[in-house]
Amino acid sequence: MDTSNPVVRLCAQGMAAEARGLDAEARALFEQAWQLAGDDYEACVAAHYLARHQDGPEATLRWNETCLRHADKVGDERVAGFYCSLHANIARSHRALANTPAARRHFELAADHLAAVPQGPYRDWLRYSVAEGLRDTGPPARANHPRIAVLLEKLLDGFCARRDLRSLCLLLPAYLGDLGGDDDAERLATHARMLHAEKRLSEHEQAMLSEVIEALPG
């Protein structure tokens, strides 16, 4: 975002206040940004941050939906990377209000827009957040192969129990970030194959990994 833009600059100051635990100051800065917003892009940015400082899920949902409406009106590359976060935020508000079908729909939309977010830690964080939301609101990512989830959870439980951090580092990110798509399945299979190739696990665990690999595409 353009930090020379006064609305963006106010939001950056609000984020800095958030980081210092000054929530009231942060909210005041975001409200200033909203009042100053002169177009849909600026209103979208300000609404996004204001949504984080509401007193309940209903108000949070209203501000997130306001943000989405303004993003839709902008409709260009400036907001392309916003949609994953926007839909995830709306989904979390619906989940807090026990509106599971709407939450599921917006988590799915968030997953659809993840590719527009630049590669990096923020995108990774969004992936894990959206994948968790999908797990919470509907069938698991590998619903057509329920045995995969059972095997992976058994493997991960074993790694945790004996503090096998290396195996966890190989398998857990792909498992937690599984959004249910073909690319996610291929990523999970690749990580499982790498771990299997090391031949460090017990015979039983190697066999479980083999079964996971055979059930996944790629």
C-alpha atoms as a PDB file:
ATOM      1  CA  MET A   1       0.000   0.000   0.000  1.00  0.00           C
ATOM      2  CA  ASP A   2       1.041   3.585  -0.652  1.00  0.00           C
ATOM      3  CA  THR A   3       2.295   4.939   2.663  1.00  0.00           C
ATOM      4  CA  SER A   4       2.165   8.494   1.301  1.00  0.00           C
ATOM      5  CA  ASN A   5      -1.633   8.193   1.251  1.00  0.00           C
ATOM      6  CA  PRO A   6      -2.940   9.952   4.407  1.00  0.00           C
ATOM      7  CA  VAL A   7      -5.557   7.263   5.080  1.00  0.00           C
ATOM      8  CA  VAL A   8      -2.980   4.495   4.765  1.00  0.00           C
ATOM      9  CA  ARG A   9      -0.609   6.497   6.951  1.00  0.00           C
ATOM     10  CA  LEU A  10      -3.253   6.815   9.694  1.00  0.00           C
ATOM     11  CA  CYS A  11      -3.909   3.076   9.503  1.00  0.00           C
ATOM     12  CA  ALA A  12      -0.181   2.391   9.799  1.00  0.00           C
ATOM     13  CA  GLN A  13      -0.104   4.567  12.905  1.00  0.00           C
ATOM     14  CA  GLY A  14      -3.094   2.631  14.240  1.00  0.00           C
ATOM     15  CA  MET A  15      -1.307  -0.663  13.649  1.00  0.00           C
ATOM     16  CA  ALA A  16       1.710   0.668  15.544  1.00  0.00           C
ATOM     17  CA  ALA A  17      -0.593   1.607  18.427  1.00  0.00           C
ATOM     18  CA  GLU A  18      -2.096  -1.903  18.340  1.00  0.00           C
ATOM     19  CA  ALA A  19       1.382  -3.400  18.594  1.00  0.00           C
ATOM     20  CA  ARG A  20       1.966  -1.354  21.749  1.00  0.00           C
ATOM     21  CA  GLY A  21      -1.323  -2.530  23.235  1.00  0.00           C
ATOM     22  CA  LEU A  22      -2.971   0.905  22.874  1.00  0.00           C
ATOM     23  CA  ASP A  23      -6.285  -0.297  21.506  1.00  0.00           C
ATOM     24  CA  ALA A  24      -8.249   2.887  22.236  1.00  0.00           C
ATOM     25  CA  GLU A  25      -5.642   4.985  20.450  1.00  0.00           C
ATOM     26  CA  ALA A  26      -5.597   2.541  17.549  1.00  0.00           C
ATOM     27  CA  ARG A  27      -9.377   2.651  17.181  1.00  0.00           C
ATOM     28  CA  ALA A  28      -9.349   6.465  17.236  1.00  0.00           C
ATOM     29  CA  LEU A  29      -6.762   6.504  14.449  1.00  0.00           C
ATOM     30  CA  PHE A  30      -8.764   4.045  12.352  1.00  0.00           C
ATOM     31  CA  GLU A  31     -11.905   6.132  12.884  1.00  0.00           C
ATOM     32  CA  GLN A  32      -9.985   9.184  11.677  1.00  0.00           C
ATOM     33  CA  ALA A  33      -8.939   7.204   8.608  1.00  0.00           C
ATOM     34  CA  TRP A  34     -12.574   6.271   7.919  1.00  0.00           C
ATOM     35  CA  GLN A  35     -13.709   9.886   8.219  1.00  0.00           C
ATOM     36  CA  LEU A  36     -10.903  11.013   5.915  1.00  0.00           C
ATOM     37  CA  ALA A  37     -11.503   8.347   3.257  1.00  0.00           C
ATOM     38  CA  GLY A  38     -12.277  10.000  -0.051  1.00  0.00           C
ATOM     39  CA  ASP A  39     -12.785   7.011  -2.350  1.00  0.00           C
ATOM     40  CA  ASP A  40     -13.678   3.344  -2.259  1.00  0.00           C
ATOM     41  CA  TYR A  41     -10.085   2.187  -1.944  1.00  0.00           C
ATOM     42  CA  GLU A  42      -9.422   4.353   1.104  1.00  0.00           C
ATOM     43  CA  ALA A  43     -12.782   3.357   2.623  1.00  0.00           C
ATOM     44  CA  CYS A  44     -11.925  -0.310   2.077  1.00  0.00           C
ATOM     45  CA  VAL A  45      -8.611   0.053   3.901  1.00  0.00           C
ATOM     46  CA  ALA A  46     -10.079   2.007   6.818  1.00  0.00           C
ATOM     47  CA  ALA A  47     -13.057  -0.343   7.222  1.00  0.00           C
ATOM     48  CA  HIS A  48     -10.747  -3.341   7.352  1.00  0.00           C
ATOM     49  CA  TYR A  49      -8.925  -1.960  10.374  1.00  0.00           C
ATOM     50  CA  LEU A  50     -12.039  -0.603  12.059  1.00  0.00           C
ATOM     51  CA  ALA A  51     -13.569  -4.081  11.921  1.00  0.00           C
ATOM     52  CA  ARG A  52     -10.826  -5.261  14.273  1.00  0.00           C
ATOM     53  CA  HIS A  53     -11.945  -2.865  16.991  1.00  0.00           C
ATOM     54  CA  GLN A  54     -15.632  -3.606  17.391  1.00  0.00           C
ATOM     55  CA  ASP A  55     -17.365  -4.808  20.545  1.00  0.00           C
ATOM     56  CA  GLY A  56     -19.049  -7.897  19.148  1.00  0.00           C
ATOM     57  CA  PRO A  57     -19.318 -10.209  16.146  1.00  0.00           C
ATOM     58  CA  GLU A  58     -22.374  -8.439  14.702  1.00  0.00           C
ATOM     59  CA  ALA A  59     -20.584  -5.098  14.458  1.00  0.00           C
ATOM     60  CA  THR A  60     -17.399  -6.795  13.265  1.00  0.00           C
ATOM     61  CA  LEU A  61     -19.380  -8.522  10.517  1.00  0.00           C
ATOM     62  CA  ARG A  62     -20.979  -5.230   9.413  1.00  0.00           C
ATOM     63  CA  TRP A  63     -17.599  -3.532   9.066  1.00  0.00           C
ATOM     64  CA  ASN A  64     -16.075  -6.481   7.240  1.00  0.00           C
ATOM     65  CA  GLU A  65     -19.011  -6.515   4.827  1.00  0.00           C
ATOM     66  CA  THR A  66     -18.581  -2.763   4.365  1.00  0.00           C
ATOM     67  CA  CYS A  67     -14.941  -3.390   3.540  1.00  0.00           C
ATOM     68  CA  LEU A  68     -15.903  -6.047   0.990  1.00  0.00           C
ATOM     69  CA  ARG A  69     -18.444  -3.776  -0.708  1.00  0.00           C
ATOM     70  CA  HIS A  70     -15.849  -1.047  -1.151  1.00  0.00           C
ATOM     71  CA  ALA A  71     -13.275  -3.556  -2.426  1.00  0.00           C
ATOM     72  CA  ASP A  72     -15.778  -4.771  -5.022  1.00  0.00           C
ATOM     73  CA  LYS A  73     -16.311  -1.171  -6.147  1.00  0.00           C
ATOM     74  CA  VAL A  74     -12.553  -0.702  -6.568  1.00  0.00           C
ATOM     75  CA  GLY A  75     -12.268  -3.909  -8.576  1.00  0.00           C
ATOM     76  CA  ASP A  76      -8.625  -3.637  -9.650  1.00  0.00           C
ATOM     77  CA  GLU A  77      -5.206  -4.999  -8.735  1.00  0.00           C
ATOM     78  CA  ARG A  78      -4.965  -2.748  -5.674  1.00  0.00           C
ATOM     79  CA  VAL A  79      -7.467  -4.933  -3.825  1.00  0.00           C
ATOM     80  CA  ALA A  80      -6.815  -8.318  -5.462  1.00  0.00           C
ATOM     81  CA  GLY A  81      -4.676  -9.426  -2.530  1.00  0.00           C
ATOM     82  CA  PHE A  82      -7.278  -8.290   0.016  1.00  0.00           C
ATOM     83  CA  TYR A  83     -10.027 -10.776  -0.780  1.00  0.00           C
ATOM     84  CA  CYS A  84      -8.622 -13.831   0.970  1.00  0.00           C
ATOM     85  CA  SER A  85      -8.346 -11.935   4.257  1.00  0.00           C
ATOM     86  CA  LEU A  86     -11.694 -10.200   3.704  1.00  0.00           C
ATOM     87  CA  HIS A  87     -13.617 -13.424   3.209  1.00  0.00           C
ATOM     88  CA  ALA A  88     -11.769 -15.114   6.077  1.00  0.00           C
ATOM     89  CA  ASN A  89     -12.719 -12.248   8.385  1.00  0.00           C
ATOM     90  CA  ILE A  90     -16.355 -12.418   7.316  1.00  0.00           C
ATOM     91  CA  ALA A  91     -16.288 -16.186   7.788  1.00  0.00           C
ATOM     92  CA  ARG A  92     -14.944 -15.865  11.339  1.00  0.00           C
ATOM     93  CA  SER A  93     -17.708 -13.389  12.181  1.00  0.00           C
ATOM     94  CA  HIS A  94     -20.351 -15.788  10.859  1.00  0.00           C
ATOM     95  CA  ARG A  95     -18.743 -18.639  12.800  1.00  0.00           C
ATOM     96  CA  ALA A  96     -18.875 -16.567  16.001  1.00  0.00           C
ATOM     97  CA  LEU A  97     -22.583 -15.979  15.302  1.00  0.00           C
ATOM     98  CA  ALA A  98     -23.126 -19.749  14.822  1.00  0.00           C
ATOM     99  CA  ASN A  99     -24.012 -19.234  11.151  1.00  0.00           C
ATOM    100  CA  THR A 100     -22.000 -22.213   9.975  1.00  0.00           C
ATOM    101  CA  PRO A 101     -23.191 -22.415   6.313  1.00  0.00           C
ATOM    102  CA  ALA A 102     -22.282 -18.753   5.704  1.00  0.00           C
ATOM    103  CA  ALA A 103     -18.975 -19.216   7.507  1.00  0.00           C
ATOM    104  CA  ARG A 104     -18.173 -22.234   5.343  1.00  0.00           C
ATOM    105  CA  ARG A 105     -19.058 -20.353   2.143  1.00  0.00           C
ATOM    106  CA  HIS A 106     -16.738 -17.465   3.003  1.00  0.00           C
ATOM    107  CA  PHE A 107     -13.892 -19.746   4.088  1.00  0.00           C
ATOM    108  CA  GLU A 108     -14.205 -21.433   0.686  1.00  0.00           C
ATOM    109  CA  LEU A 109     -14.115 -18.027  -1.028  1.00  0.00           C
ATOM    110  CA  ALA A 110     -11.053 -17.129   1.031  1.00  0.00           C
ATOM    111  CA  ALA A 111      -9.348 -20.308  -0.170  1.00  0.00           C
ATOM    112  CA  ASP A 112     -10.225 -19.433  -3.769  1.00  0.00           C
ATOM    113  CA  HIS A 113      -8.489 -16.045  -3.412  1.00  0.00           C
ATOM    114  CA  LEU A 114      -5.343 -17.198  -1.589  1.00  0.00           C
ATOM    115  CA  ALA A 115      -3.306 -17.342  -4.811  1.00  0.00           C
ATOM    116  CA  ALA A 116      -3.616 -13.547  -5.183  1.00  0.00           C
ATOM    117  CA  VAL A 117      -1.755 -12.979  -1.900  1.00  0.00           C
ATOM    118  CA  PRO A 118       2.026 -12.546  -2.365  1.00  0.00           C
ATOM    119  CA  GLN A 119       4.200 -15.423  -1.220  1.00  0.00           C
ATOM    120  CA  GLY A 120       5.574 -15.042   2.290  1.00  0.00           C
ATOM    121  CA  PRO A 121       4.788 -15.485   5.993  1.00  0.00           C
ATOM    122  CA  TYR A 122       1.518 -13.544   5.762  1.00  0.00           C
ATOM    123  CA  ARG A 123       0.217 -15.835   3.026  1.00  0.00           C
ATOM    124  CA  ASP A 124       1.310 -18.871   5.054  1.00  0.00           C
ATOM    125  CA  TRP A 125      -0.561 -17.529   8.075  1.00  0.00           C
ATOM    126  CA  LEU A 126      -3.677 -16.964   5.970  1.00  0.00           C
ATOM    127  CA  ARG A 127      -3.443 -20.495   4.579  1.00  0.00           C
ATOM    128  CA  TYR A 128      -3.346 -22.046   8.052  1.00  0.00           C
ATOM    129  CA  SER A 129      -6.178 -19.807   9.261  1.00  0.00           C
ATOM    130  CA  VAL A 130      -8.428 -20.607   6.309  1.00  0.00           C
ATOM    131  CA  ALA A 131      -7.650 -24.329   6.467  1.00  0.00           C
ATOM    132  CA  GLU A 132      -8.580 -24.343  10.154  1.00  0.00           C
ATOM    133  CA  GLY A 133     -11.840 -22.571   9.330  1.00  0.00           C
ATOM    134  CA  LEU A 134     -12.657 -25.135   6.662  1.00  0.00           C
ATOM    135  CA  ARG A 135     -11.987 -27.973   9.113  1.00  0.00           C
ATOM    136  CA  ASP A 136     -14.241 -26.308  11.701  1.00  0.00           C
ATOM    137  CA  THR A 137     -17.196 -25.704   9.393  1.00  0.00           C
ATOM    138  CA  GLY A 138     -17.526 -28.733   7.170  1.00  0.00           C
ATOM    139  CA  PRO A 139     -16.127 -32.036   6.004  1.00  0.00           C
ATOM    140  CA  PRO A 140     -12.352 -32.502   6.178  1.00  0.00           C
ATOM    141  CA  ALA A 141     -10.188 -31.587   3.211  1.00  0.00           C
ATOM    142  CA  ARG A 142      -9.737 -35.257   2.275  1.00  0.00           C
ATOM    143  CA  ALA A 143     -13.369 -36.260   2.887  1.00  0.00           C
ATOM    144  CA  ASN A 144     -13.229 -38.679  -0.059  1.00  0.00           C
ATOM    145  CA  HIS A 145     -10.280 -40.424   1.643  1.00  0.00           C
ATOM    146  CA  PRO A 146     -11.112 -40.361   5.384  1.00  0.00           C
ATOM    147  CA  ARG A 147      -8.392 -42.906   6.069  1.00  0.00           C
ATOM    148  CA  ILE A 148      -5.764 -40.269   5.164  1.00  0.00           C
ATOM    149  CA  ALA A 149      -6.778 -38.000   8.043  1.00  0.00           C
ATOM    150  CA  VAL A 150      -6.768 -40.920  10.490  1.00  0.00           C
ATOM    151  CA  LEU A 151      -3.285 -42.017   9.442  1.00  0.00           C
ATOM    152  CA  LEU A 152      -1.842 -38.507   9.445  1.00  0.00           C
ATOM    153  CA  GLU A 153      -3.236 -37.739  12.886  1.00  0.00           C
ATOM    154  CA  LYS A 154      -1.780 -40.984  14.263  1.00  0.00           C
ATOM    155  CA  LEU A 155       1.603 -40.163  12.753  1.00  0.00           C
ATOM    156  CA  LEU A 156       1.585 -36.591  14.058  1.00  0.00           C
ATOM    157  CA  ASP A 157       0.488 -37.732  17.523  1.00  0.00           C
ATOM    158  CA  GLY A 158       3.442 -40.105  17.596  1.00  0.00           C
ATOM    159  CA  PHE A 159       5.883 -37.416  16.480  1.00  0.00           C
ATOM    160  CA  CYS A 160       4.587 -35.067  19.192  1.00  0.00           C
ATOM    161  CA  ALA A 161       4.744 -37.744  21.892  1.00  0.00           C
ATOM    162  CA  ARG A 162       8.429 -38.410  21.275  1.00  0.00           C
ATOM    163  CA  ARG A 163       9.282 -34.821  20.285  1.00  0.00           C
ATOM    164  CA  ASP A 164      10.356 -35.801  16.779  1.00  0.00           C
ATOM    165  CA  LEU A 165      10.592 -32.195  15.629  1.00  0.00           C
ATOM    166  CA  ARG A 166      12.201 -32.977  12.291  1.00  0.00           C
ATOM    167  CA  SER A 167       9.348 -35.221  11.208  1.00  0.00           C
ATOM    168  CA  LEU A 168       6.831 -32.672  12.477  1.00  0.00           C
ATOM    169  CA  CYS A 169       8.525 -29.908  10.481  1.00  0.00           C
ATOM    170  CA  LEU A 170       8.250 -31.966   7.314  1.00  0.00           C
ATOM    171  CA  LEU A 171       4.647 -33.120   7.602  1.00  0.00           C
ATOM    172  CA  LEU A 172       2.740 -30.714   9.860  1.00  0.00           C
ATOM    173  CA  PRO A 173       2.783 -27.544   7.687  1.00  0.00           C
ATOM    174  CA  ALA A 174       1.366 -29.383   4.671  1.00  0.00           C
ATOM    175  CA  TYR A 175      -1.265 -31.044   6.849  1.00  0.00           C
ATOM    176  CA  LEU A 176      -2.351 -27.870   8.656  1.00  0.00           C
ATOM    177  CA  GLY A 177      -2.379 -25.862   5.416  1.00  0.00           C
ATOM    178  CA  ASP A 178      -4.443 -28.339   3.400  1.00  0.00           C
ATOM    179  CA  LEU A 179      -7.293 -26.413   1.754  1.00  0.00           C
ATOM    180  CA  GLY A 180      -8.596 -29.470  -0.052  1.00  0.00           C
ATOM    181  CA  GLY A 181      -7.393 -28.655  -3.566  1.00  0.00           C
ATOM    182  CA  ASP A 182      -5.278 -30.729  -5.930  1.00  0.00           C
ATOM    183  CA  ASP A 183      -2.232 -28.536  -5.305  1.00  0.00           C
ATOM    184  CA  ASP A 184      -2.622 -29.086  -1.566  1.00  0.00           C
ATOM    185  CA  ALA A 185      -2.863 -32.832  -2.047  1.00  0.00           C
ATOM    186  CA  GLU A 186       0.284 -32.795  -4.180  1.00  0.00           C
ATOM    187  CA  ARG A 187       2.091 -30.722  -1.544  1.00  0.00           C
ATOM    188  CA  LEU A 188       1.041 -33.133   1.178  1.00  0.00           C
ATOM    189  CA  ALA A 189       2.133 -36.125  -0.901  1.00  0.00           C
ATOM    190  CA  THR A 190       5.513 -34.500  -1.640  1.00  0.00           C
ATOM    191  CA  HIS A 191       6.193 -33.875   2.043  1.00  0.00           C
ATOM    192  CA  ALA A 192       5.099 -37.407   2.911  1.00  0.00           C
ATOM    193  CA  ARG A 193       7.423 -38.834   0.238  1.00  0.00           C
ATOM    194  CA  MET A 194      10.378 -36.811   1.543  1.00  0.00           C
ATOM    195  CA  LEU A 195       9.787 -38.070   5.063  1.00  0.00           C
ATOM    196  CA  HIS A 196       9.329 -41.642   3.834  1.00  0.00           C
ATOM    197  CA  ALA A 197      12.576 -41.474   1.825  1.00  0.00           C
ATOM    198  CA  GLU A 198      14.566 -40.691   4.958  1.00  0.00           C
ATOM    199  CA  LYS A 199      13.688 -44.151   6.370  1.00  0.00           C
ATOM    200  CA  ARG A 200      14.005 -42.888   9.940  1.00  0.00           C
ATOM    201  CA  LEU A 201      10.594 -44.017  11.159  1.00  0.00           C
ATOM    202  CA  SER A 202       9.491 -47.352  12.504  1.00  0.00           C
ATOM    203  CA  GLU A 203       8.336 -50.034  10.101  1.00  0.00           C
ATOM    204  CA  HIS A 204       4.733 -49.393  11.142  1.00  0.00           C
ATOM    205  CA  GLU A 205       5.019 -45.631  10.584  1.00  0.00           C
ATOM    206  CA  GLN A 206       6.726 -46.150   7.216  1.00  0.00           C
ATOM    207  CA  ALA A 207       3.809 -48.366   6.211  1.00  0.00           C
ATOM    208  CA  MET A 208       1.287 -45.716   7.289  1.00  0.00           C
ATOM    209  CA  LEU A 209       3.143 -43.093   5.263  1.00  0.00           C
ATOM    210  CA  SER A 210       3.137 -45.396   2.244  1.00  0.00           C
ATOM    211  CA  GLU A 211      -0.616 -45.741   2.515  1.00  0.00           C
ATOM    212  CA  VAL A 212      -1.019 -41.951   2.678  1.00  0.00           C
ATOM    213  CA  ILE A 213       1.211 -41.475  -0.364  1.00  0.00           C
ATOM    214  CA  GLU A 214      -0.661 -44.078  -2.404  1.00  0.00           C
ATOM    215  CA  ALA A 215      -4.008 -42.444  -1.621  1.00  0.00           C
ATOM    216  CA  LEU A 216      -2.915 -38.948  -2.646  1.00  0.00           C
ATOM    217  CA  PRO A 217      -2.471 -37.699  -6.224  1.00  0.00           C
ATOM    218  CA  GLY A 218       0.956 -36.705  -7.490  1.00  0.00           C
END
